[in-house]
Amino acid sequence: MLNIANDRSLPIAQPMAFKANGETGAVNTNPQKGKHEVTKVVELNKNQSIMSSYSPNKIISGQRTYLLYSPLSSKLSQEDEYFMIENEMLGIVATGRTEAEAAQDFAQEFDFIYQRYNELSDTEMSERIKRIKVLLNTIVKEVNFK
């Protein structure tokens, strides 16, 4: 069974992600007023890549847990057999065969750049890396060790 949210604020033919019977895909929907005010599925395309949000407020990697001031908004997408989590501001691209593997890779990458950039002096970094370091130190509330 395919469930799609009935959101009247969406424009006509709004693409939406779905998960049904263990499969994921995308649909274009067309809101129609009817007896039950349902959303009509206009097109179903399981081969289209899916994109949604990944926004952790805590990142756990190995021996460290990073508590963030607010959720770190990142893009989660699936193409073919792989999941990808991308945060353009931090320059992190993580992948995995499952969403959990991609999240684990994301946590490892986050931990690596946080530790590495904070080891370096500003004279050893490019302007871009300096900006990422400032951003990292702004969003991380505290780091706890296991």
Protein backbone atom coordinates (compact mmCIF):
# COMPACT_ATOMS: atom_id res chain seq x y z
CA MET A 1 0.00 0.00 0.00
CA LEU A 2 1.23 3.46 -0.88
CA ASN A 3 0.60 6.29 1.59
CA ILE A 4 1.05 9.89 0.51
CA ALA A 5 0.46 12.89 2.74
CA ASN A 6 -2.53 15.03 1.79
CA ASP A 7 -0.99 18.50 1.85
CA ARG A 8 -3.10 21.16 0.11
CA SER A 9 -0.28 23.73 0.35
CA LEU A 10 1.75 21.83 -2.26
CA PRO A 11 1.63 23.00 -5.88
CA ILE A 12 0.19 20.74 -8.56
CA ALA A 13 2.46 17.84 -9.61
CA GLN A 14 4.65 18.13 -6.53
CA PRO A 15 7.21 15.28 -6.42
CA MET A 16 7.19 13.36 -3.14
CA ALA A 17 9.24 10.43 -1.85
CA PHE A 18 7.53 7.23 -0.80
CA LYS A 19 8.31 3.90 0.77
CA ALA A 20 5.91 1.05 0.11
CA ASN A 21 6.20 -2.70 0.29
CA GLY A 22 9.91 -2.39 1.01
CA GLU A 23 10.55 -0.27 -2.09
CA THR A 24 11.33 3.41 -2.34
CA GLY A 25 10.62 5.78 -5.19
CA ALA A 26 9.08 9.09 -6.12
CA VAL A 27 5.61 10.15 -7.16
CA ASN A 28 4.17 13.27 -8.65
CA THR A 29 0.95 14.16 -6.91
CA ASN A 30 -2.01 16.27 -7.88
CA PRO A 31 -4.26 17.47 -5.05
CA GLN A 32 -7.91 16.94 -6.01
CA LYS A 33 -10.93 17.81 -3.97
CA GLY A 34 -13.20 14.89 -3.89
CA LYS A 35 -15.40 12.89 -1.63
CA HIS A 36 -12.49 12.04 0.67
CA GLU A 37 -10.15 14.91 -0.29
CA VAL A 38 -7.38 12.52 -1.30
CA THR A 39 -4.18 13.19 -3.18
CA LYS A 40 -4.12 11.61 -6.62
CA VAL A 41 -0.97 9.82 -7.77
CA VAL A 42 -0.21 11.24 -11.21
CA GLU A 43 3.04 9.44 -11.92
CA LEU A 44 5.03 6.72 -10.19
CA ASN A 45 8.74 6.41 -10.86
CA LYS A 46 10.74 3.98 -8.74
CA ASN A 47 13.93 4.60 -10.74
CA GLN A 48 14.17 8.27 -9.80
CA SER A 49 16.66 9.19 -7.10
CA ILE A 50 15.14 10.09 -3.73
CA MET A 51 16.25 13.09 -1.70
CA SER A 52 15.25 13.95 1.84
CA SER A 53 16.73 15.51 4.95
CA TYR A 54 19.24 14.16 7.47
CA SER A 55 19.46 16.48 10.50
CA PRO A 56 21.20 15.00 13.55
CA ASN A 57 21.44 17.02 16.77
CA LYS A 58 23.98 14.53 18.14
CA ILE A 59 26.81 12.83 16.26
CA ILE A 60 28.36 9.67 17.71
CA SER A 61 31.68 8.51 16.29
CA GLY A 62 33.93 5.98 17.99
CA GLN A 63 34.88 7.32 21.39
CA ARG A 64 33.36 10.79 20.94
CA THR A 65 29.83 12.16 21.02
CA TYR A 66 29.25 15.64 19.60
CA LEU A 67 26.24 17.52 20.98
CA LEU A 68 25.15 20.27 18.61
CA TYR A 69 23.36 23.52 19.37
CA SER A 70 20.79 22.72 16.69
CA PRO A 71 20.22 19.98 14.12
CA LEU A 72 22.81 19.89 11.34
CA SER A 73 20.74 20.06 8.18
CA SER A 74 22.15 17.79 5.47
CA LYS A 75 20.81 16.10 2.33
CA LEU A 76 20.05 12.38 2.34
CA SER A 77 19.63 10.76 -1.05
CA GLN A 78 19.41 7.28 -2.48
CA GLU A 79 20.54 6.28 -5.90
CA ASP A 80 20.48 2.68 -7.03
CA GLU A 81 21.85 0.59 -4.14
CA TYR A 82 23.57 3.39 -2.21
CA PHE A 83 22.60 6.07 0.28
CA MET A 84 24.47 9.37 0.42
CA ILE A 85 24.48 12.08 3.10
CA GLU A 86 25.93 15.41 2.04
CA ASN A 87 26.60 18.61 3.93
CA GLU A 88 27.90 21.21 1.49
CA MET A 89 28.86 23.76 4.14
CA LEU A 90 31.23 21.32 5.86
CA GLY A 91 32.34 19.57 2.69
CA ILE A 92 31.19 16.14 3.94
CA VAL A 93 29.94 13.45 1.58
CA ALA A 94 29.21 10.09 3.21
CA THR A 95 27.95 6.91 1.56
CA GLY A 96 26.73 3.46 2.52
CA ARG A 97 24.68 0.52 1.31
CA THR A 98 22.12 1.39 4.00
CA GLU A 99 21.02 4.65 5.56
CA ALA A 100 22.66 3.52 8.83
CA GLU A 101 26.00 2.89 7.06
CA ALA A 102 25.84 6.33 5.44
CA ALA A 103 25.08 7.92 8.84
CA GLN A 104 28.04 6.07 10.38
CA ASP A 105 30.33 7.25 7.56
CA PHE A 106 29.01 10.80 8.06
CA ALA A 107 29.82 10.63 11.78
CA GLN A 108 33.35 9.39 11.05
CA GLU A 109 33.96 12.15 8.51
CA PHE A 110 32.56 14.78 10.91
CA ASP A 111 34.81 13.49 13.71
CA PHE A 112 37.86 13.47 11.44
CA ILE A 113 37.47 17.04 10.18
CA TYR A 114 36.56 18.39 13.63
CA GLN A 115 39.65 16.83 15.19
CA ARG A 116 42.00 17.58 12.28
CA TYR A 117 40.96 21.19 11.70
CA ASN A 118 41.24 21.98 15.41
CA GLU A 119 44.78 20.54 15.47
CA LEU A 120 45.96 22.90 12.73
CA SER A 121 46.91 26.52 13.19
CA ASP A 122 45.24 29.11 10.97
CA THR A 123 48.48 29.60 9.02
CA GLU A 124 48.35 25.93 7.96
CA MET A 125 44.83 26.18 6.50
CA SER A 126 43.25 27.63 3.38
CA GLU A 127 40.55 30.29 3.78
CA ARG A 128 37.86 27.69 3.02
CA ILE A 129 39.13 25.30 5.71
CA LYS A 130 39.35 28.20 8.20
CA ARG A 131 35.67 28.99 7.54
CA ILE A 132 34.71 25.33 8.04
CA LYS A 133 36.69 25.25 11.31
CA VAL A 134 34.84 28.33 12.58
CA LEU A 135 31.51 26.77 11.57
CA LEU A 136 32.36 23.47 13.29
CA ASN A 137 33.31 25.25 16.51
CA THR A 138 30.14 27.32 16.32
CA ILE A 139 27.72 24.40 15.92
CA VAL A 140 29.33 21.99 18.42
CA LYS A 141 28.01 22.62 21.91
CA GLU A 142 30.17 20.00 23.63
CA VAL A 143 32.22 16.89 22.98
CA ASN A 144 31.86 13.93 25.36
CA PHE A 145 34.23 10.97 25.53
CA LYS A 146 33.15 7.40 26.27
